[in-house]
Amino acid sequence: MEIKKVCVLGAGLMGSGIAQICAQAGYEVAMRDIEQRFIDGGMNSIKKNLSRDAEKGKITKEQMEAILGRIKPTVDIKEAATGADVVVEVVIEVMDVKKKVYAELEGIVPPHCLFFTNTSGLSITEMASVTKRPDKVIGTHFFNPVPVMKLLEIICCYQTSAETLEVAKAWGKKIGKEVIVVKEAPAFVVNRVLCSMLNEAFFVLDEGLATPEDIDKGMMLGCNHPIGPLALADLVGLDTLLRIMEGLQRELGDKYRPAPFLRKLVRAGNFGRKSGRGVYDYGKK
């Protein structure tokens, strides 16, 4: 199967990053979100990333303009998805919302179109169940920041065909990613291990064993991590981390119980960098 047009549903941090690397790989990209302000924010992020690459000499200004020219931003899902060979869904991590999107797409996309979901840990099998093409649904889990992080975690659901898997793997390679293939399970592989560690850091913090700074410094210097677990949780989003841990607990038991202090911060609206405050305060000069 030849991929020419990629539709990315979501223009946030992850969606705009996926749109950027697809355009850099030569694909025609339609990037859709529900409000113009989200579209504008996504395009500004892409332009900022590409401008930085141009300043460093990684790409020319002509290449930058060509990449931007391959991205068509829109708030119209029909305009974005019509004629798409692949739809990469990057909407909010709520199953009912994702199901609604897939049901809507069925009346828009051509029969051969594949559905790729960037879910952090929701059941792809459940999403596929509302489509008429469950064999053409697969998980493609990217990592933040998308243009920088090399990994693409590909997850087969119960119905995913071997052909869909091969297309997804080839696509991942073309957009410059190293691919790992995993079976569907709660939070898959990377997030199951990573989020458990991040969650444990909140237990340690709440018990008063060390300051946030020293917890992060300890893991950075003691384990050679480039960023500490609490700072990373702020980057990921504490609300996102909480949803993943709640899903793990629901599926696998109390071994994955969310830390009470993590839940408290989320209830306070402290979601991390995106809200200006999480474990750390990002409003300080």
Protein backbone atom coordinates (compact mmCIF):
# COMPACT_ATOMS: atom_id res chain seq x y z
CA MET A 1 0.00 0.00 0.00
CA GLU A 2 1.32 3.43 -0.95
CA ILE A 3 0.72 6.27 1.49
CA LYS A 4 0.34 9.73 -0.04
CA LYS A 5 -1.98 11.66 2.29
CA VAL A 6 -1.83 11.52 6.09
CA CYS A 7 -4.60 13.04 8.19
CA VAL A 8 -3.57 13.99 11.73
CA LEU A 9 -6.47 14.56 14.13
CA GLY A 10 -5.13 16.85 16.84
CA ALA A 11 -2.88 19.92 16.64
CA GLY A 12 -1.52 19.92 20.17
CA LEU A 13 2.02 19.11 21.22
CA MET A 14 1.88 15.53 19.96
CA GLY A 15 -0.34 16.09 16.93
CA SER A 16 1.67 19.00 15.57
CA GLY A 17 4.88 17.04 16.06
CA ILE A 18 3.48 14.07 14.13
CA ALA A 19 2.25 16.37 11.37
CA GLN A 20 5.71 17.93 11.15
CA ILE A 21 7.66 14.70 10.80
CA CYS A 22 5.17 13.33 8.27
CA ALA A 23 5.57 16.47 6.15
CA GLN A 24 9.35 16.25 6.51
CA ALA A 25 9.14 12.69 5.16
CA GLY A 26 7.38 13.97 2.05
CA TYR A 27 3.76 13.15 2.85
CA GLU A 28 0.88 15.53 2.19
CA VAL A 29 -0.57 16.23 5.63
CA ALA A 30 -3.94 17.51 6.77
CA MET A 31 -3.84 18.62 10.42
CA ARG A 32 -7.25 19.03 12.02
CA ASP A 33 -8.42 20.24 15.41
CA ILE A 34 -11.78 21.36 16.79
CA GLU A 35 -10.92 25.07 17.19
CA GLN A 36 -8.88 27.51 15.11
CA ARG A 37 -6.82 28.55 18.13
CA PHE A 38 -5.56 24.99 18.51
CA ILE A 39 -4.69 24.87 14.80
CA ASP A 40 -2.85 28.20 15.06
CA GLY A 41 -0.94 26.99 18.11
CA GLY A 42 0.06 23.78 16.33
CA MET A 43 1.28 25.60 13.23
CA ASN A 44 3.25 28.04 15.38
CA SER A 45 4.95 25.12 17.12
CA ILE A 46 5.87 23.54 13.80
CA LYS A 47 7.24 26.83 12.45
CA LYS A 48 9.28 27.33 15.63
CA ASN A 49 10.75 23.82 15.40
CA LEU A 50 11.63 24.18 11.73
CA SER A 51 13.08 27.68 12.21
CA ARG A 52 15.35 26.29 14.92
CA ASP A 53 16.51 23.53 12.56
CA ALA A 54 17.15 26.09 9.82
CA GLU A 55 19.20 28.27 12.18
CA LYS A 56 21.31 25.22 13.06
CA GLY A 57 21.83 24.39 9.40
CA LYS A 58 19.94 21.09 9.57
CA ILE A 59 17.58 22.25 6.81
CA THR A 60 17.56 25.15 4.38
CA LYS A 61 14.94 27.87 4.37
CA GLU A 62 13.70 26.49 1.05
CA GLN A 63 13.25 23.06 2.63
CA MET A 64 11.45 24.66 5.56
CA GLU A 65 8.99 26.38 3.24
CA ALA A 66 8.43 23.16 1.31
CA ILE A 67 7.67 21.25 4.52
CA LEU A 68 5.21 23.90 5.68
CA GLY A 69 3.61 23.86 2.23
CA ARG A 70 2.78 20.18 2.63
CA ILE A 71 0.75 20.81 5.82
CA LYS A 72 -2.87 21.87 5.39
CA PRO A 73 -4.41 23.02 8.69
CA THR A 74 -8.21 22.87 9.07
CA VAL A 75 -11.06 22.60 11.57
CA ASP A 76 -13.16 20.60 9.09
CA ILE A 77 -12.85 16.85 9.68
CA LYS A 78 -14.33 16.04 6.29
CA GLU A 79 -11.78 18.23 4.52
CA ALA A 80 -8.97 16.68 6.54
CA ALA A 81 -9.93 13.01 6.23
CA THR A 82 -11.34 12.85 2.69
CA GLY A 83 -8.92 10.89 0.50
CA ALA A 84 -6.61 10.04 3.41
CA ASP A 85 -4.56 6.86 3.20
CA VAL A 86 -3.82 7.00 6.93
CA VAL A 87 -5.55 8.79 9.79
CA VAL A 88 -3.37 9.35 12.85
CA GLU A 89 -5.72 10.02 15.75
CA VAL A 90 -4.26 12.14 18.55
CA VAL A 91 -7.38 13.24 20.43
CA ILE A 92 -7.88 13.33 24.20
CA GLU A 93 -7.27 10.10 26.13
CA VAL A 94 -10.95 9.38 26.75
CA MET A 95 -12.33 6.20 25.21
CA ASP A 96 -15.82 7.52 24.45
CA VAL A 97 -14.38 10.51 22.61
CA LYS A 98 -12.07 8.32 20.55
CA LYS A 99 -14.91 5.94 19.67
CA LYS A 100 -17.05 8.84 18.49
CA VAL A 101 -14.23 10.05 16.23
CA TYR A 102 -13.74 6.63 14.64
CA ALA A 103 -17.46 6.19 14.05
CA GLU A 104 -17.53 9.58 12.31
CA LEU A 105 -14.48 8.77 10.18
CA GLU A 106 -16.16 5.68 8.72
CA GLY A 107 -18.43 7.89 6.63
CA ILE A 108 -15.57 10.02 5.30
CA VAL A 109 -12.41 8.03 4.56
CA PRO A 110 -11.91 5.65 1.60
CA PRO A 111 -12.16 1.86 2.18
CA HIS A 112 -8.39 1.31 2.15
CA CYS A 113 -7.65 3.95 4.82
CA LEU A 114 -5.78 2.78 7.92
CA PHE A 115 -6.48 4.09 11.43
CA PHE A 116 -3.41 4.75 13.63
CA THR A 117 -4.03 5.79 17.25
CA ASN A 118 -1.47 7.59 19.38
CA THR A 119 -3.08 6.45 22.64
CA SER A 120 -0.81 6.21 25.67
CA GLY A 121 -2.49 3.08 26.96
CA LEU A 122 -6.18 2.71 26.09
CA SER A 123 -7.46 -0.48 24.48
CA ILE A 124 -7.00 -0.35 20.72
CA THR A 125 -9.18 -3.45 20.42
CA GLU A 126 -12.06 -1.53 21.99
CA MET A 127 -11.56 1.40 19.60
CA ALA A 128 -11.43 -0.93 16.61
CA SER A 129 -14.73 -2.53 17.64
CA VAL A 130 -16.72 0.55 16.58
CA THR A 131 -15.24 0.61 13.06
CA LYS A 132 -16.06 -1.40 9.95
CA ARG A 133 -12.33 -2.05 9.44
CA PRO A 134 -10.95 -3.44 12.71
CA ASP A 135 -8.18 -5.20 10.77
CA LYS A 136 -6.95 -1.76 9.66
CA VAL A 137 -6.60 -0.32 13.18
CA ILE A 138 -3.26 -0.24 15.01
CA GLY A 139 -1.55 1.68 17.81
CA THR A 140 1.30 4.05 16.94
CA HIS A 141 2.51 5.49 20.24
CA PHE A 142 4.89 8.44 19.85
CA PHE A 143 6.96 10.10 22.56
CA ASN A 144 7.38 13.76 23.46
CA PRO A 145 8.88 15.77 21.80
CA VAL A 146 7.92 13.90 18.63
CA PRO A 147 10.51 15.44 16.26
CA VAL A 148 13.31 14.56 18.70
CA MET A 149 12.42 11.22 20.30
CA LYS A 150 13.44 8.27 18.13
CA LEU A 151 11.06 5.61 19.41
CA LEU A 152 7.74 4.56 17.89
CA GLU A 153 5.89 1.88 19.87
CA ILE A 154 3.56 -0.04 17.55
CA ILE A 155 0.75 -1.99 19.19
CA CYS A 156 -1.36 -4.63 17.47
CA CYS A 157 -4.91 -5.04 18.68
CA TYR A 158 -6.80 -8.32 18.56
CA GLN A 159 -8.03 -7.70 15.01
CA THR A 160 -4.98 -6.00 13.43
CA SER A 161 -3.93 -7.70 10.20
CA ALA A 162 -0.36 -8.62 9.29
CA GLU A 163 -0.60 -6.26 6.32
CA THR A 164 -1.56 -3.31 8.51
CA LEU A 165 1.37 -4.05 10.81
CA GLU A 166 3.84 -4.13 7.91
CA VAL A 167 2.51 -0.84 6.51
CA ALA A 168 2.76 0.80 9.94
CA LYS A 169 6.33 -0.44 10.42
CA ALA A 170 7.41 0.84 6.99
CA TRP A 171 5.71 4.19 7.65
CA GLY A 172 7.46 4.48 11.01
CA LYS A 173 10.82 3.88 9.37
CA LYS A 174 10.14 6.47 6.66
CA ILE A 175 9.33 9.17 9.21
CA GLY A 176 12.65 8.46 10.92
CA LYS A 177 11.65 6.36 13.92
CA GLU A 178 13.02 3.20 15.49
CA VAL A 179 10.12 0.79 15.88
CA ILE A 180 9.30 -1.73 18.57
CA VAL A 181 6.25 -4.00 18.20
CA VAL A 182 4.34 -5.03 21.30
CA LYS A 183 1.15 -6.91 22.12
CA GLU A 184 -1.81 -4.97 23.42
CA ALA A 185 -1.89 -4.71 27.20
CA PRO A 186 -2.69 -1.88 29.63
CA ALA A 187 -0.19 0.98 29.02
CA PHE A 188 1.74 -1.31 26.63
CA VAL A 189 5.47 -1.64 27.47
CA VAL A 190 7.14 1.75 27.84
CA ASN A 191 4.39 3.50 29.79
CA ARG A 192 3.74 0.49 32.00
CA VAL A 193 7.33 0.63 33.21
CA LEU A 194 7.81 4.41 33.05
CA CYS A 195 4.55 5.54 34.63
CA SER A 196 4.97 3.09 37.50
CA MET A 197 8.30 4.76 38.24
CA LEU A 198 6.83 8.27 38.00
CA ASN A 199 3.94 7.29 40.26
CA GLU A 200 6.37 5.86 42.85
CA ALA A 201 8.20 9.19 42.88
CA PHE A 202 4.98 10.82 44.14
CA PHE A 203 4.72 8.26 46.96
CA VAL A 204 8.34 9.06 47.91
CA LEU A 205 7.65 12.80 47.75
CA ASP A 206 4.48 12.53 49.86
CA GLU A 207 6.33 10.49 52.50
CA GLY A 208 8.82 13.35 52.84
CA LEU A 209 11.87 11.22 52.05
CA ALA A 210 13.48 14.05 50.06
CA THR A 211 12.70 17.32 48.33
CA PRO A 212 11.42 17.24 44.73
CA GLU A 213 14.75 18.61 43.57
CA ASP A 214 16.75 15.92 45.37
CA ILE A 215 14.46 13.13 44.18
CA ASP A 216 15.01 14.27 40.62
CA LYS A 217 18.74 14.82 41.12
CA GLY A 218 19.09 11.38 42.65
CA MET A 219 17.54 9.64 39.65
CA MET A 220 19.43 11.78 37.14
CA LEU A 221 22.84 11.26 38.71
CA GLY A 222 22.27 7.79 40.16
CA CYS A 223 20.55 6.24 37.14
CA ASN A 224 21.88 8.49 34.37
CA HIS A 225 18.38 9.69 33.46
CA PRO A 226 18.35 12.93 31.42
CA ILE A 227 15.44 14.31 33.48
CA GLY A 228 14.11 13.47 36.93
CA PRO A 229 10.80 11.60 37.38
CA LEU A 230 8.90 14.52 38.93
CA ALA A 231 10.05 16.99 36.26
CA LEU A 232 9.19 14.40 33.62
CA ALA A 233 5.72 13.94 35.11
CA ASP A 234 5.21 17.71 34.85
CA LEU A 235 6.27 17.53 31.21
CA VAL A 236 3.97 14.59 30.43
CA GLY A 237 1.07 16.15 32.33
CA LEU A 238 -0.02 15.02 35.78
CA ASP A 239 -3.58 14.53 34.54
CA THR A 240 -2.31 12.25 31.78
CA LEU A 241 -0.18 10.29 34.24
CA LEU A 242 -3.15 9.90 36.59
CA ARG A 243 -5.39 8.58 33.80
CA ILE A 244 -2.76 6.01 32.83
CA MET A 245 -2.33 4.84 36.43
CA GLU A 246 -6.10 4.64 36.92
CA GLY A 247 -6.32 2.48 33.81
CA LEU A 248 -3.52 0.21 35.05
CA GLN A 249 -5.19 -0.16 38.44
CA ARG A 250 -8.53 -0.92 36.83
CA GLU A 251 -7.05 -3.58 34.55
CA LEU A 252 -4.25 -5.04 36.68
CA GLY A 253 -5.08 -4.34 40.32
CA ASP A 254 -3.88 -2.26 43.26
CA LYS A 255 -0.22 -2.82 42.50
CA TYR A 256 -0.71 0.20 40.22
CA ARG A 257 -2.69 2.37 42.64
CA PRO A 258 -2.19 6.08 41.83
CA ALA A 259 -0.29 8.00 44.49
CA PRO A 260 -2.73 10.09 46.59
CA PHE A 261 -0.50 13.17 46.23
CA LEU A 262 -0.59 12.86 42.43
CA ARG A 263 -4.40 12.79 42.58
CA LYS A 264 -4.41 15.79 44.93
CA LEU A 265 -2.30 17.89 42.56
CA VAL A 266 -4.56 17.04 39.63
CA ARG A 267 -7.66 17.96 41.66
CA ALA A 268 -6.01 21.30 42.39
CA GLY A 269 -5.57 21.92 38.67
CA ASN A 270 -1.80 21.56 38.85
CA PHE A 271 -1.27 19.59 35.64
CA GLY A 272 2.40 20.44 35.10
CA ARG A 273 4.03 22.61 32.47
CA LYS A 274 0.87 23.05 30.42
CA SER A 275 -0.98 24.65 33.35
CA GLY A 276 2.04 26.59 34.65
CA ARG A 277 2.34 24.54 37.81
CA GLY A 278 2.65 20.89 38.80
CA VAL A 279 5.26 19.61 41.22
CA TYR A 280 7.23 22.68 40.19
CA ASP A 281 6.09 26.25 39.59
CA TYR A 282 6.72 27.30 35.97
CA GLY A 283 5.42 30.84 36.49
CA LYS A 284 8.51 31.87 38.41
CA LYS A 285 11.04 34.04 36.65
